[in-house]
Structures are given as C-alpha cells and as structure tokens.
Amino acid sequence: MTSSYKYRFDRRTIYWTMTYFVIFVLLGAGLYYLYEGGYLSAWFTSFIVALVALMALSIPRRIVVTQEQVEVRCLLDITEIPRSEIASVRRVDARGMKWFLPLFGSCGFFGYYGHFIDLRRLERVRIYASEWRNFVEITDIYEERLYVSCADADRLVAELAPADKSR
C-alpha cells in the first residue's frame, strides 16, 4: 500500500518566486550597465544561475508513504524516514511557524525548503513545503523535526497516526 501526496504551489509562493526573478534580472542588468559587462556582472550572473539551478533541483515534488517509510521526493534528493522511527505526527497551524527563519534553504523561491531555525526553541529543523499552510510536523525518535505541507494534511496525519499510536 503506497499513497502519494503532491505538492501544490499557492499564490503566495508564485508571487515570491516571480519577485525573486525580477530582482535577479534587475540586479544583473544594473551590474551589466554599471560595469559595462565586466567581471563583476559575469560573476554575479554565474552565481545567480548556479543558485537558481541548485534551488530548482531541491524543490519538493511529493510525499510518498509506504508500509516501511515516508519519503519526501525532491527533483534531485529523497529524504527518507522509516516509519518505525517516527515518534509523533501532528498538524501545525501556520501561526506556529512564524518563528522559523531559513538557515540554508529557500524562503518563497519555488516553496519553502531546507534547514530553518526555530527561534522559539532555538533548534534546527527541516522544512519541505510548497505553501505556507497545511503543515505536518513529523518528529522522529532522535527528536529531529521535519515539517511538510500538502493539500491533504489531515489524511497524511491520519495515515501516519497508527505508527504514532503503536508506541
């Protein structure tokens, strides 16, 4: 039995992505015209292209739940959590996520993913979200927290709840 939960970009994520693209293009054009195509504009363009490519390859695509594990599949990476190592699963309101700041990852550019710091608890957490709502917190037996978002968050919590209640 395998179930899949697709990520869906909300309007806010699309607006942030477009805003980032506009800022990158304006900065690149400004550097090109200010430095007349010098090494600084070439360096900036190379850096932005590499950054966009890296972030685009890290976009979460779907959550796959099998009998043995939970997988968060990105374009390039798969994060796996064995179901036997899941200590708890719960819904989290978006208001509870307001104290999270990105350490290394994306904050609105094709979603919200990467390593974030929870300022309330001063802990590092991982987030794989395409929208800033419908969060599910998955805590493993090592007390590491992973936050995912999907349109059907209640069904995801219900599906993972038997692994949570068997402890």
Foldseek 3Di string as FASTA:
>chain_A
DKDKFFADADPQLVVLQVVVVVVLVVVLVVCCVVVVNDPVSVVSVVVVVVVLVVQQQAAFTMWMDDPFWIWGDGNNDIDIDGLLFWQAKDWDFLVQVPQKADPDHDDSNQATFDWIARPVVRDIATERHNDSGQWMWTATNVRHIYIYHGPPSVVVRVVSVVSNVVD
